[in-house]
Amino acid sequence: MTFSAKKQRGLTFISLFFILSILAFFVLLTLKIAPIYMNHSKVVNALSAVENMDEVKTMSKNEIMKSLKKRFNMNYVTKVDANDVSILKQGNYVKVEIEYERVEKILGNLSVLVQFYDFFEAGEPE
């Protein structure tokens, strides 16, 4: 009894299982990474809101930090704290940097690391 390749059609159970497991892995990866990027978009929005304030050049470091924290709190930003924010103030020049990283466990001992760095400058350096 010989089988012709022309008559065999479809997927075997093993190939179907393999395709579904790859699809499930990428769905899991998306479900783990998407919230990280959504949180980061809130950080960027808060940073740009502070940058667009007219009085940012005349504000002190504490006032800028307080404004950022207030915006983080309003937007439910998580995983970013005061240690991740660096503020440089010299006269009317202000540079605010936010640098942080997130490690998200995916499955077993598999994790993903995402690093972010955002900044803005206002005023002219002296």
PDB file of N, CA and C in Angstrom:
ATOM      1  N   MET A   1       0.827  -1.160   0.000  1.00  0.00           N
ATOM      2  CA  MET A   1       0.000   0.000   0.000  1.00  0.00           C
ATOM      3  C   MET A   1       0.889   1.246   0.000  1.00  0.00           C
ATOM      4  N   THR A   2       0.851   1.952  -1.099  1.00  0.00           N
ATOM      5  CA  THR A   2       1.653   3.160  -1.230  1.00  0.00           C
ATOM      6  C   THR A   2       0.744   4.380  -1.156  1.00  0.00           C
ATOM      7  N   PHE A   3       1.304   5.419  -0.576  1.00  0.00           N
ATOM      8  CA  PHE A   3       0.549   6.665  -0.429  1.00  0.00           C
ATOM      9  C   PHE A   3       1.114   7.709  -1.373  1.00  0.00           C
ATOM     10  N   SER A   4       0.276   8.398  -2.010  1.00  0.00           N
ATOM     11  CA  SER A   4       0.681   9.437  -2.941  1.00  0.00           C
ATOM     12  C   SER A   4       0.704  10.782  -2.197  1.00  0.00           C
ATOM     13  N   ALA A   5       1.686  11.593  -2.503  1.00  0.00           N
ATOM     14  CA  ALA A   5       1.803  12.916  -1.867  1.00  0.00           C
ATOM     15  C   ALA A   5       0.668  13.837  -2.296  1.00  0.00           C
ATOM     16  N   LYS A   6       0.082  13.585  -3.442  1.00  0.00           N
ATOM     17  CA  LYS A   6      -0.997  14.433  -3.922  1.00  0.00           C
ATOM     18  C   LYS A   6      -2.274  14.242  -3.114  1.00  0.00           C
ATOM     19  N   LYS A   7      -2.452  13.108  -2.526  1.00  0.00           N
ATOM     20  CA  LYS A   7      -3.678  12.830  -1.783  1.00  0.00           C
ATOM     21  C   LYS A   7      -3.588  13.258  -0.315  1.00  0.00           C
ATOM     22  N   GLN A   8      -2.371  13.445   0.179  1.00  0.00           N
ATOM     23  CA  GLN A   8      -2.211  13.831   1.578  1.00  0.00           C
ATOM     24  C   GLN A   8      -2.377  15.339   1.695  1.00  0.00           C
ATOM     25  N   ARG A   9      -3.280  15.750   2.539  1.00  0.00           N
ATOM     26  CA  ARG A   9      -3.546  17.169   2.724  1.00  0.00           C
ATOM     27  C   ARG A   9      -3.708  17.453   4.210  1.00  0.00           C
ATOM     28  N   GLY A  10      -3.518  18.747   4.564  1.00  0.00           N
ATOM     29  CA  GLY A  10      -3.778  19.159   5.938  1.00  0.00           C
ATOM     30  C   GLY A  10      -2.563  19.064   6.833  1.00  0.00           C
ATOM     31  N   LEU A  11      -2.788  19.415   8.072  1.00  0.00           N
ATOM     32  CA  LEU A  11      -1.726  19.414   9.069  1.00  0.00           C
ATOM     33  C   LEU A  11      -1.835  18.178   9.944  1.00  0.00           C
ATOM     34  N   THR A  12      -0.699  17.710  10.371  1.00  0.00           N
ATOM     35  CA  THR A  12      -0.725  16.639  11.359  1.00  0.00           C
ATOM     36  C   THR A  12      -0.966  17.267  12.722  1.00  0.00           C
ATOM     37  N   PHE A  13      -1.281  16.457  13.684  1.00  0.00           N
ATOM     38  CA  PHE A  13      -1.522  16.979  15.033  1.00  0.00           C
ATOM     39  C   PHE A  13      -0.271  17.635  15.587  1.00  0.00           C
ATOM     40  N   ILE A  14       0.889  17.074  15.320  1.00  0.00           N
ATOM     41  CA  ILE A  14       2.148  17.627  15.842  1.00  0.00           C
ATOM     42  C   ILE A  14       2.421  18.995  15.220  1.00  0.00           C
ATOM     43  N   SER A  15       2.236  19.127  13.917  1.00  0.00           N
ATOM     44  CA  SER A  15       2.487  20.428  13.293  1.00  0.00           C
ATOM     45  C   SER A  15       1.464  21.461  13.752  1.00  0.00           C
ATOM     46  N   LEU A  16       0.220  21.065  13.943  1.00  0.00           N
ATOM     47  CA  LEU A  16      -0.800  21.975  14.459  1.00  0.00           C
ATOM     48  C   LEU A  16      -0.463  22.416  15.884  1.00  0.00           C
ATOM     49  N   PHE A  17      -0.019  21.498  16.718  1.00  0.00           N
ATOM     50  CA  PHE A  17       0.385  21.813  18.089  1.00  0.00           C
ATOM     51  C   PHE A  17       1.573  22.775  18.088  1.00  0.00           C
ATOM     52  N   PHE A  18       2.534  22.538  17.200  1.00  0.00           N
ATOM     53  CA  PHE A  18       3.709  23.396  17.096  1.00  0.00           C
ATOM     54  C   PHE A  18       3.315  24.818  16.685  1.00  0.00           C
ATOM     55  N   ILE A  19       2.466  24.961  15.708  1.00  0.00           N
ATOM     56  CA  ILE A  19       2.023  26.282  15.253  1.00  0.00           C
ATOM     57  C   ILE A  19       1.240  27.003  16.348  1.00  0.00           C
ATOM     58  N   LEU A  20       0.349  26.284  17.034  1.00  0.00           N
ATOM     59  CA  LEU A  20      -0.427  26.898  18.110  1.00  0.00           C
ATOM     60  C   LEU A  20       0.447  27.289  19.296  1.00  0.00           C
ATOM     61  N   SER A  21       1.484  26.501  19.590  1.00  0.00           N
ATOM     62  CA  SER A  21       2.362  26.851  20.708  1.00  0.00           C
ATOM     63  C   SER A  21       3.186  28.098  20.380  1.00  0.00           C
ATOM     64  N   ILE A  22       3.628  28.247  19.141  1.00  0.00           N
ATOM     65  CA  ILE A  22       4.351  29.463  18.744  1.00  0.00           C
ATOM     66  C   ILE A  22       3.420  30.671  18.817  1.00  0.00           C
ATOM     67  N   LEU A  23       2.202  30.513  18.342  1.00  0.00           N
ATOM     68  CA  LEU A  23       1.211  31.586  18.414  1.00  0.00           C
ATOM     69  C   LEU A  23       0.918  31.965  19.872  1.00  0.00           C
ATOM     70  N   ALA A  24       0.778  30.976  20.739  1.00  0.00           N
ATOM     71  CA  ALA A  24       0.513  31.231  22.161  1.00  0.00           C
ATOM     72  C   ALA A  24       1.683  31.961  22.815  1.00  0.00           C
ATOM     73  N   PHE A  25       2.907  31.615  22.440  1.00  0.00           N
ATOM     74  CA  PHE A  25       4.077  32.286  22.997  1.00  0.00           C
ATOM     75  C   PHE A  25       4.073  33.766  22.641  1.00  0.00           C
ATOM     76  N   PHE A  26       3.783  34.094  21.389  1.00  0.00           N
ATOM     77  CA  PHE A  26       3.783  35.498  20.982  1.00  0.00           C
ATOM     78  C   PHE A  26       2.607  36.269  21.577  1.00  0.00           C
ATOM     79  N   VAL A  27       1.498  35.621  21.786  1.00  0.00           N
ATOM     80  CA  VAL A  27       0.375  36.267  22.473  1.00  0.00           C
ATOM     81  C   VAL A  27       0.764  36.559  23.921  1.00  0.00           C
ATOM     82  N   LEU A  28       1.402  35.598  24.587  1.00  0.00           N
ATOM     83  CA  LEU A  28       1.863  35.797  25.963  1.00  0.00           C
ATOM     84  C   LEU A  28       2.880  36.929  26.034  1.00  0.00           C
ATOM     85  N   LEU A  29       3.801  36.949  25.093  1.00  0.00           N
ATOM     86  CA  LEU A  29       4.811  38.005  25.055  1.00  0.00           C
ATOM     87  C   LEU A  29       4.160  39.377  24.876  1.00  0.00           C
ATOM     88  N   THR A  30       3.182  39.465  24.002  1.00  0.00           N
ATOM     89  CA  THR A  30       2.472  40.731  23.794  1.00  0.00           C
ATOM     90  C   THR A  30       1.719  41.155  25.041  1.00  0.00           C
ATOM     91  N   LEU A  31       1.086  40.214  25.711  1.00  0.00           N
ATOM     92  CA  LEU A  31       0.332  40.542  26.923  1.00  0.00           C
ATOM     93  C   LEU A  31       1.234  40.989  28.063  1.00  0.00           C
ATOM     94  N   LYS A  32       2.482  40.544  28.069  1.00  0.00           N
ATOM     95  CA  LYS A  32       3.417  40.952  29.116  1.00  0.00           C
ATOM     96  C   LYS A  32       4.098  42.283  28.797  1.00  0.00           C
ATOM     97  N   ILE A  33       4.383  42.535  27.517  1.00  0.00           N
ATOM     98  CA  ILE A  33       5.151  43.718  27.146  1.00  0.00           C
ATOM     99  C   ILE A  33       4.262  44.936  26.894  1.00  0.00           C
ATOM    100  N   ALA A  34       3.064  44.749  26.403  1.00  0.00           N
ATOM    101  CA  ALA A  34       2.184  45.889  26.089  1.00  0.00           C
ATOM    102  C   ALA A  34       1.946  46.810  27.289  1.00  0.00           C
ATOM    103  N   PRO A  35       1.679  46.296  28.505  1.00  0.00           N
ATOM    104  CA  PRO A  35       1.490  47.216  29.637  1.00  0.00           C
ATOM    105  C   PRO A  35       2.729  48.044  29.972  1.00  0.00           C
ATOM    106  N   ILE A  36       3.916  47.499  29.708  1.00  0.00           N
ATOM    107  CA  ILE A  36       5.151  48.247  29.956  1.00  0.00           C
ATOM    108  C   ILE A  36       5.197  49.474  29.050  1.00  0.00           C
ATOM    109  N   TYR A  37       4.878  49.287  27.791  1.00  0.00           N
ATOM    110  CA  TYR A  37       4.905  50.408  26.846  1.00  0.00           C
ATOM    111  C   TYR A  37       3.750  51.373  27.076  1.00  0.00           C
ATOM    112  N   MET A  38       2.626  50.887  27.540  1.00  0.00           N
ATOM    113  CA  MET A  38       1.520  51.783  27.881  1.00  0.00           C
ATOM    114  C   MET A  38       1.910  52.675  29.063  1.00  0.00           C
ATOM    115  N   ASN A  39       2.573  52.092  30.056  1.00  0.00           N
ATOM    116  CA  ASN A  39       3.052  52.858  31.202  1.00  0.00           C
ATOM    117  C   ASN A  39       4.086  53.888  30.748  1.00  0.00           C
ATOM    118  N   HIS A  40       4.953  53.489  29.821  1.00  0.00           N
ATOM    119  CA  HIS A  40       5.974  54.416  29.331  1.00  0.00           C
ATOM    120  C   HIS A  40       5.349  55.586  28.576  1.00  0.00           C
ATOM    121  N   SER A  41       4.276  55.340  27.854  1.00  0.00           N
ATOM    122  CA  SER A  41       3.625  56.452  27.150  1.00  0.00           C
ATOM    123  C   SER A  41       3.068  57.470  28.146  1.00  0.00           C
ATOM    124  N   LYS A  42       2.628  57.003  29.303  1.00  0.00           N
ATOM    125  CA  LYS A  42       2.171  57.930  30.348  1.00  0.00           C
ATOM    126  C   LYS A  42       3.337  58.751  30.903  1.00  0.00           C
ATOM    127  N   VAL A  43       4.502  58.119  31.028  1.00  0.00           N
ATOM    128  CA  VAL A  43       5.697  58.842  31.487  1.00  0.00           C
ATOM    129  C   VAL A  43       6.068  59.921  30.481  1.00  0.00           C
ATOM    130  N   VAL A  44       6.043  59.587  29.201  1.00  0.00           N
ATOM    131  CA  VAL A  44       6.371  60.557  28.149  1.00  0.00           C
ATOM    132  C   VAL A  44       5.368  61.705  28.144  1.00  0.00           C
ATOM    133  N   ASN A  45       4.096  61.400  28.326  1.00  0.00           N
ATOM    134  CA  ASN A  45       3.077  62.456  28.366  1.00  0.00           C
ATOM    135  C   ASN A  45       3.290  63.390  29.552  1.00  0.00           C
ATOM    136  N   ALA A  46       3.623  62.837  30.713  1.00  0.00           N
ATOM    137  CA  ALA A  46       3.878  63.669  31.888  1.00  0.00           C
ATOM    138  C   ALA A  46       5.107  64.542  31.679  1.00  0.00           C
ATOM    139  N   LEU A  47       6.131  63.975  31.085  1.00  0.00           N
ATOM    140  CA  LEU A  47       7.354  64.728  30.831  1.00  0.00           C
ATOM    141  C   LEU A  47       7.110  65.854  29.825  1.00  0.00           C
ATOM    142  N   SER A  48       6.360  65.583  28.785  1.00  0.00           N
ATOM    143  CA  SER A  48       6.080  66.633  27.801  1.00  0.00           C
ATOM    144  C   SER A  48       5.154  67.701  28.377  1.00  0.00           C
ATOM    145  N   ALA A  49       4.267  67.325  29.293  1.00  0.00           N
ATOM    146  CA  ALA A  49       3.401  68.323  29.931  1.00  0.00           C
ATOM    147  C   ALA A  49       4.221  69.280  30.781  1.00  0.00           C
ATOM    148  N   VAL A  50       5.211  68.756  31.488  1.00  0.00           N
ATOM    149  CA  VAL A  50       6.083  69.621  32.286  1.00  0.00           C
ATOM    150  C   VAL A  50       6.940  70.481  31.358  1.00  0.00           C
ATOM    151  N   GLU A  51       7.399  69.902  30.267  1.00  0.00           N
ATOM    152  CA  GLU A  51       8.210  70.660  29.313  1.00  0.00           C
ATOM    153  C   GLU A  51       7.431  71.825  28.711  1.00  0.00           C
ATOM    154  N   ASN A  52       6.151  71.646  28.480  1.00  0.00           N
ATOM    155  CA  ASN A  52       5.324  72.680  27.848  1.00  0.00           C
ATOM    156  C   ASN A  52       4.829  73.746  28.818  1.00  0.00           C
ATOM    157  N   MET A  53       5.140  73.595  30.087  1.00  0.00           N
ATOM    158  CA  MET A  53       4.770  74.627  31.053  1.00  0.00           C
ATOM    159  C   MET A  53       5.621  75.870  30.797  1.00  0.00           C
ATOM    160  N   ASP A  54       4.995  77.031  30.813  1.00  0.00           N
ATOM    161  CA  ASP A  54       5.727  78.266  30.535  1.00  0.00           C
ATOM    162  C   ASP A  54       6.751  78.587  31.621  1.00  0.00           C
ATOM    163  N   GLU A  55       6.425  78.259  32.857  1.00  0.00           N
ATOM    164  CA  GLU A  55       7.285  78.653  33.975  1.00  0.00           C
ATOM    165  C   GLU A  55       8.330  77.597  34.343  1.00  0.00           C
ATOM    166  N   VAL A  56       8.539  76.587  33.504  1.00  0.00           N
ATOM    167  CA  VAL A  56       9.474  75.513  33.854  1.00  0.00           C
ATOM    168  C   VAL A  56      10.908  76.035  34.003  1.00  0.00           C
ATOM    169  N   LYS A  57      11.271  77.071  33.262  1.00  0.00           N
ATOM    170  CA  LYS A  57      12.631  77.612  33.346  1.00  0.00           C
ATOM    171  C   LYS A  57      12.889  78.307  34.671  1.00  0.00           C
ATOM    172  N   THR A  58      11.843  78.811  35.293  1.00  0.00           N
ATOM    173  CA  THR A  58      12.018  79.544  36.548  1.00  0.00           C
ATOM    174  C   THR A  58      11.706  78.690  37.775  1.00  0.00           C
ATOM    175  N   MET A  59      11.234  77.481  37.568  1.00  0.00           N
ATOM    176  CA  MET A  59      10.896  76.606  38.697  1.00  0.00           C
ATOM    177  C   MET A  59      12.156  76.013  39.308  1.00  0.00           C
ATOM    178  N   SER A  60      12.088  75.707  40.595  1.00  0.00           N
ATOM    179  CA  SER A  60      13.207  75.040  41.265  1.00  0.00           C
ATOM    180  C   SER A  60      13.149  73.540  40.983  1.00  0.00           C
ATOM    181  N   LYS A  61      14.227  72.837  41.363  1.00  0.00           N
ATOM    182  CA  LYS A  61      14.254  71.382  41.173  1.00  0.00           C
ATOM    183  C   LYS A  61      13.105  70.707  41.906  1.00  0.00           C
ATOM    184  N   ASN A  62      12.858  71.138  43.128  1.00  0.00           N
ATOM    185  CA  ASN A  62      11.782  70.533  43.927  1.00  0.00           C
ATOM    186  C   ASN A  62      10.410  70.772  43.298  1.00  0.00           C
ATOM    187  N   GLU A  63      10.198  71.957  42.753  1.00  0.00           N
ATOM    188  CA  GLU A  63       8.918  72.246  42.113  1.00  0.00           C
ATOM    189  C   GLU A  63       8.720  71.406  40.846  1.00  0.00           C
ATOM    190  N   ILE A  64       9.788  71.218  40.085  1.00  0.00           N
ATOM    191  CA  ILE A  64       9.702  70.377  38.881  1.00  0.00           C
ATOM    192  C   ILE A  64       9.412  68.939  39.270  1.00  0.00           C
ATOM    193  N   MET A  65      10.117  68.451  40.291  1.00  0.00           N
ATOM    194  CA  MET A  65       9.908  67.073  40.756  1.00  0.00           C
ATOM    195  C   MET A  65       8.490  66.893  41.293  1.00  0.00           C
ATOM    196  N   LYS A  66       8.005  67.877  42.027  1.00  0.00           N
ATOM    197  CA  LYS A  66       6.642  67.806  42.566  1.00  0.00           C
ATOM    198  C   LYS A  66       5.614  67.775  41.435  1.00  0.00           C
ATOM    199  N   SER A  67       5.850  68.584  40.400  1.00  0.00           N
ATOM    200  CA  SER A  67       4.943  68.603  39.258  1.00  0.00           C
ATOM    201  C   SER A  67       4.952  67.262  38.524  1.00  0.00           C
ATOM    202  N   LEU A  68       6.135  66.681  38.346  1.00  0.00           N
ATOM    203  CA  LEU A  68       6.232  65.362  37.706  1.00  0.00           C
ATOM    204  C   LEU A  68       5.526  64.290  38.532  1.00  0.00           C
ATOM    205  N   LYS A  69       5.773  64.293  39.840  1.00  0.00           N
ATOM    206  CA  LYS A  69       5.138  63.293  40.712  1.00  0.00           C
ATOM    207  C   LYS A  69       3.616  63.416  40.679  1.00  0.00           C
ATOM    208  N   LYS A  70       3.130  64.654  40.647  1.00  0.00           N
ATOM    209  CA  LYS A  70       1.687  64.872  40.595  1.00  0.00           C
ATOM    210  C   LYS A  70       1.109  64.301  39.300  1.00  0.00           C
ATOM    211  N   ARG A  71       1.794  64.533  38.197  1.00  0.00           N
ATOM    212  CA  ARG A  71       1.323  64.007  36.910  1.00  0.00           C
ATOM    213  C   ARG A  71       1.438  62.484  36.856  1.00  0.00           C
ATOM    214  N   PHE A  72       2.491  61.934  37.450  1.00  0.00           N
ATOM    215  CA  PHE A  72       2.613  60.472  37.528  1.00  0.00           C
ATOM    216  C   PHE A  72       1.468  59.883  38.337  1.00  0.00           C
ATOM    217  N   ASN A  73       1.137  60.537  39.434  1.00  0.00           N
ATOM    218  CA  ASN A  73       0.064  60.062  40.294  1.00  0.00           C
ATOM    219  C   ASN A  73      -1.290  60.139  39.591  1.00  0.00           C
ATOM    220  N   MET A  74      -1.536  61.234  38.870  1.00  0.00           N
ATOM    221  CA  MET A  74      -2.806  61.390  38.158  1.00  0.00           C
ATOM    222  C   MET A  74      -2.973  60.357  37.053  1.00  0.00           C
ATOM    223  N   ASN A  75      -1.873  59.992  36.401  1.00  0.00           N
ATOM    224  CA  ASN A  75      -1.922  59.059  35.279  1.00  0.00           C
ATOM    225  C   ASN A  75      -1.651  57.609  35.682  1.00  0.00           C
ATOM    226  N   TYR A  76      -1.543  57.350  36.976  1.00  0.00           N
ATOM    227  CA  TYR A  76      -1.288  56.001  37.487  1.00  0.00           C
ATOM    228  C   TYR A  76      -0.016  55.389  36.916  1.00  0.00           C
ATOM    229  N   VAL A  77       1.050  56.179  36.888  1.00  0.00           N
ATOM    230  CA  VAL A  77       2.344  55.683  36.430  1.00  0.00           C
ATOM    231  C   VAL A  77       2.953  54.838  37.533  1.00  0.00           C
ATOM    232  N   THR A  78       3.362  53.633  37.175  1.00  0.00           N
ATOM    233  CA  THR A  78       4.005  52.745  38.138  1.00  0.00           C
ATOM    234  C   THR A  78       5.428  52.450  37.688  1.00  0.00           C
ATOM    235  N   LYS A  79       6.219  51.991  38.613  1.00  0.00           N
ATOM    236  CA  LYS A  79       7.602  51.546  38.364  1.00  0.00           C
ATOM    237  C   LYS A  79       8.571  52.672  38.024  1.00  0.00           C
ATOM    238  N   VAL A  80       8.186  53.915  38.231  1.00  0.00           N
ATOM    239  CA  VAL A  80       9.096  55.043  38.060  1.00  0.00           C
ATOM    240  C   VAL A  80       9.059  55.834  39.356  1.00  0.00           C
ATOM    241  N   ASP A  81      10.226  56.020  39.964  1.00  0.00           N
ATOM    242  CA  ASP A  81      10.261  56.777  41.217  1.00  0.00           C
ATOM    243  C   ASP A  81      11.264  57.925  41.115  1.00  0.00           C
ATOM    244  N   ALA A  82      11.464  58.615  42.211  1.00  0.00           N
ATOM    245  CA  ALA A  82      12.317  59.809  42.221  1.00  0.00           C
ATOM    246  C   ALA A  82      13.772  59.474  41.899  1.00  0.00           C
ATOM    247  N   ASN A  83      14.211  58.260  42.175  1.00  0.00           N
ATOM    248  CA  ASN A  83      15.591  57.879  41.869  1.00  0.00           C
ATOM    249  C   ASN A  83      15.840  57.763  40.369  1.00  0.00           C
ATOM    250  N   ASP A  84      14.793  57.594  39.592  1.00  0.00           N
ATOM    251  CA  ASP A  84      14.920  57.462  38.139  1.00  0.00           C
ATOM    252  C   ASP A  84      14.924  58.807  37.429  1.00  0.00           C
ATOM    253  N   VAL A  85      14.608  59.877  38.162  1.00  0.00           N
ATOM    254  CA  VAL A  85      14.509  61.217  37.572  1.00  0.00           C
ATOM    255  C   VAL A  85      15.730  62.027  37.977  1.00  0.00           C
ATOM    256  N   SER A  86      16.352  62.657  36.984  1.00  0.00           N
ATOM    257  CA  SER A  86      17.511  63.516  37.224  1.00  0.00           C
ATOM    258  C   SER A  86      17.188  64.908  36.686  1.00  0.00           C
ATOM    259  N   ILE A  87      17.373  65.918  37.536  1.00  0.00           N
ATOM    260  CA  ILE A  87      17.075  67.298  37.139  1.00  0.00           C
ATOM    261  C   ILE A  87      18.347  68.123  37.278  1.00  0.00           C
ATOM    262  N   LEU A  88      18.738  68.764  36.181  1.00  0.00           N
ATOM    263  CA  LEU A  88      19.890  69.664  36.177  1.00  0.00           C
ATOM    264  C   LEU A  88      19.367  71.072  35.953  1.00  0.00           C
ATOM    265  N   LYS A  89      19.696  71.966  36.877  1.00  0.00           N
ATOM    266  CA  LYS A  89      19.210  73.351  36.799  1.00  0.00           C
ATOM    267  C   LYS A  89      20.391  74.280  36.949  1.00  0.00           C
ATOM    268  N   GLN A  90      20.582  75.158  35.935  1.00  0.00           N
ATOM    269  CA  GLN A  90      21.630  76.174  35.973  1.00  0.00           C
ATOM    270  C   GLN A  90      21.057  77.462  35.417  1.00  0.00           C
ATOM    271  N   GLY A  91      20.706  78.377  36.290  1.00  0.00           N
ATOM    272  CA  GLY A  91      20.091  79.634  35.859  1.00  0.00           C
ATOM    273  C   GLY A  91      18.733  79.375  35.225  1.00  0.00           C
ATOM    274  N   ASN A  92      18.576  79.761  33.960  1.00  0.00           N
ATOM    275  CA  ASN A  92      17.322  79.518  33.234  1.00  0.00           C
ATOM    276  C   ASN A  92      17.353  78.219  32.429  1.00  0.00           C
ATOM    277  N   TYR A  93      18.419  77.465  32.536  1.00  0.00           N
ATOM    278  CA  TYR A  93      18.552  76.201  31.807  1.00  0.00           C
ATOM    279  C   TYR A  93      18.098  75.042  32.697  1.00  0.00           C
ATOM    280  N   VAL A  94      17.241  74.204  32.131  1.00  0.00           N
ATOM    281  CA  VAL A  94      16.737  73.034  32.863  1.00  0.00           C
ATOM    282  C   VAL A  94      16.841  71.810  31.956  1.00  0.00           C
ATOM    283  N   LYS A  95      17.379  70.743  32.501  1.00  0.00           N
ATOM    284  CA  LYS A  95      17.392  69.460  31.787  1.00  0.00           C
ATOM    285  C   LYS A  95      16.824  68.409  32.730  1.00  0.00           C
ATOM    286  N   VAL A  96      15.757  67.766  32.294  1.00  0.00           N
ATOM    287  CA  VAL A  96      15.111  66.721  33.083  1.00  0.00           C
ATOM    288  C   VAL A  96      15.271  65.410  32.328  1.00  0.00           C
ATOM    289  N   GLU A  97      15.846  64.420  33.005  1.00  0.00           N
ATOM    290  CA  GLU A  97      16.065  63.102  32.408  1.00  0.00           C
ATOM    291  C   GLU A  97      15.342  62.048  33.229  1.00  0.00           C
ATOM    292  N   ILE A  98      14.736  61.118  32.538  1.00  0.00           N
ATOM    293  CA  ILE A  98      14.116  59.971  33.191  1.00  0.00           C
ATOM    294  C   ILE A  98      14.698  58.725  32.539  1.00  0.00           C
ATOM    295  N   GLU A  99      15.383  57.940  33.339  1.00  0.00           N
ATOM    296  CA  GLU A  99      16.007  56.708  32.836  1.00  0.00           C
ATOM    297  C   GLU A  99      15.635  55.573  33.781  1.00  0.00           C
ATOM    298  N   TYR A 100      14.980  54.575  33.233  1.00  0.00           N
ATOM    299  CA  TYR A 100      14.588  53.431  34.054  1.00  0.00           C
ATOM    300  C   TYR A 100      14.487  52.193  33.191  1.00  0.00           C
ATOM    301  N   GLU A 101      14.433  51.066  33.851  1.00  0.00           N
ATOM    302  CA  GLU A 101      14.298  49.801  33.140  1.00  0.00           C
ATOM    303  C   GLU A 101      13.285  48.920  33.844  1.00  0.00           C
ATOM    304  N   ARG A 102      12.698  48.054  33.069  1.00  0.00           N
ATOM    305  CA  ARG A 102      11.710  47.109  33.589  1.00  0.00           C
ATOM    306  C   ARG A 102      12.127  45.699  33.195  1.00  0.00           C
ATOM    307  N   VAL A 103      12.051  44.804  34.139  1.00  0.00           N
ATOM    308  CA  VAL A 103      12.273  43.389  33.881  1.00  0.00           C
ATOM    309  C   VAL A 103      10.957  42.690  34.159  1.00  0.00           C
ATOM    310  N   GLU A 104      10.439  42.019  33.154  1.00  0.00           N
ATOM    311  CA  GLU A 104       9.156  41.326  33.284  1.00  0.00           C
ATOM    312  C   GLU A 104       9.375  39.840  33.052  1.00  0.00           C
ATOM    313  N   LYS A 105       8.964  39.054  34.037  1.00  0.00           N
ATOM    314  CA  LYS A 105       9.083  37.611  33.921  1.00  0.00           C
ATOM    315  C   LYS A 105       8.053  37.102  32.911  1.00  0.00           C
ATOM    316  N   ILE A 106       8.499  36.298  31.971  1.00  0.00           N
ATOM    317  CA  ILE A 106       7.619  35.786  30.933  1.00  0.00           C
ATOM    318  C   ILE A 106       7.128  34.385  31.286  1.00  0.00           C
ATOM    319  N   LEU A 107       8.062  33.465  31.411  1.00  0.00           N
ATOM    320  CA  LEU A 107       7.699  32.076  31.649  1.00  0.00           C
ATOM    321  C   LEU A 107       8.918  31.360  32.213  1.00  0.00           C
ATOM    322  N   GLY A 108       8.775  30.707  33.337  1.00  0.00           N
ATOM    323  CA  GLY A 108       9.902  29.989  33.927  1.00  0.00           C
ATOM    324  C   GLY A 108      11.031  30.943  34.250  1.00  0.00           C
ATOM    325  N   ASN A 109      12.215  30.650  33.684  1.00  0.00           N
ATOM    326  CA  ASN A 109      13.355  31.536  33.919  1.00  0.00           C
ATOM    327  C   ASN A 109      13.581  32.496  32.746  1.00  0.00           C
ATOM    328  N   LEU A 110      12.594  32.656  31.899  1.00  0.00           N
ATOM    329  CA  LEU A 110      12.662  33.562  30.759  1.00  0.00           C
ATOM    330  C   LEU A 110      12.067  34.914  31.150  1.00  0.00           C
ATOM    331  N   SER A 111      12.871  35.959  30.980  1.00  0.00           N
ATOM    332  CA  SER A 111      12.429  37.321  31.306  1.00  0.00           C
ATOM    333  C   SER A 111      12.768  38.244  30.146  1.00  0.00           C
ATOM    334  N   VAL A 112      12.114  39.401  30.133  1.00  0.00           N
ATOM    335  CA  VAL A 112      12.406  40.415  29.126  1.00  0.00           C
ATOM    336  C   VAL A 112      12.810  41.692  29.862  1.00  0.00           C
ATOM    337  N   LEU A 113      13.839  42.363  29.349  1.00  0.00           N
ATOM    338  CA  LEU A 113      14.328  43.620  29.908  1.00  0.00           C
ATOM    339  C   LEU A 113      14.037  44.729  28.911  1.00  0.00           C
ATOM    340  N   VAL A 114      13.385  45.799  29.390  1.00  0.00           N
ATOM    341  CA  VAL A 114      13.078  46.955  28.547  1.00  0.00           C
ATOM    342  C   VAL A 114      13.667  48.179  29.235  1.00  0.00           C
ATOM    343  N   GLN A 115      14.499  48.931  28.500  1.00  0.00           N
ATOM    344  CA  GLN A 115      15.137  50.120  29.047  1.00  0.00           C
ATOM    345  C   GLN A 115      14.574  51.355  28.360  1.00  0.00           C
ATOM    346  N   PHE A 116      14.357  52.401  29.165  1.00  0.00           N
ATOM    347  CA  PHE A 116      13.812  53.653  28.643  1.00  0.00           C
ATOM    348  C   PHE A 116      14.692  54.816  29.072  1.00  0.00           C
ATOM    349  N   TYR A 117      14.845  55.785  28.180  1.00  0.00           N
ATOM    350  CA  TYR A 117      15.553  57.018  28.489  1.00  0.00           C
ATOM    351  C   TYR A 117      14.836  58.148  27.761  1.00  0.00           C
ATOM    352  N   ASP A 118      14.333  59.099  28.517  1.00  0.00           N
ATOM    353  CA  ASP A 118      13.653  60.261  27.952  1.00  0.00           C
ATOM    354  C   ASP A 118      14.167  61.509  28.656  1.00  0.00           C
ATOM    355  N   PHE A 119      14.192  62.615  27.929  1.00  0.00           N
ATOM    356  CA  PHE A 119      14.655  63.862  28.532  1.00  0.00           C
ATOM    357  C   PHE A 119      14.050  65.041  27.788  1.00  0.00           C
ATOM    358  N   PHE A 120      14.159  66.202  28.413  1.00  0.00           N
ATOM    359  CA  PHE A 120      13.887  67.452  27.726  1.00  0.00           C
ATOM    360  C   PHE A 120      14.804  68.522  28.275  1.00  0.00           C
ATOM    361  N   GLU A 121      15.058  69.512  27.441  1.00  0.00           N
ATOM    362  CA  GLU A 121      15.870  70.657  27.820  1.00  0.00           C
ATOM    363  C   GLU A 121      15.055  71.917  27.558  1.00  0.00           C
ATOM    364  N   ALA A 122      15.167  72.854  28.473  1.00  0.00           N
ATOM    365  CA  ALA A 122      14.487  74.144  28.315  1.00  0.00           C
ATOM    366  C   ALA A 122      15.466  75.244  28.690  1.00  0.00           C
ATOM    367  N   GLY A 123      15.415  76.331  27.948  1.00  0.00           N
ATOM    368  CA  GLY A 123      16.305  77.448  28.221  1.00  0.00           C
ATOM    369  C   GLY A 123      17.641  77.287  27.525  1.00  0.00           C
ATOM    370  N   GLU A 124      18.501  78.244  27.743  1.00  0.00           N
ATOM    371  CA  GLU A 124      19.833  78.242  27.133  1.00  0.00           C
ATOM    372  C   GLU A 124      20.878  77.960  28.190  1.00  0.00           C
ATOM    373  N   PRO A 125      21.801  77.011  27.926  1.00  0.00           N
ATOM    374  CA  PRO A 125      22.857  76.749  28.908  1.00  0.00           C
ATOM    375  C   PRO A 125      23.798  77.941  29.032  1.00  0.00           C
ATOM    376  N   GLU A 126      24.280  78.125  30.229  1.00  0.00           N
ATOM    377  CA  GLU A 126      25.171  79.273  30.485  1.00  0.00           C
ATOM    378  C   GLU A 126      26.596  78.938  30.159  1.00  0.00           C
TER     379      GLU A 126
END
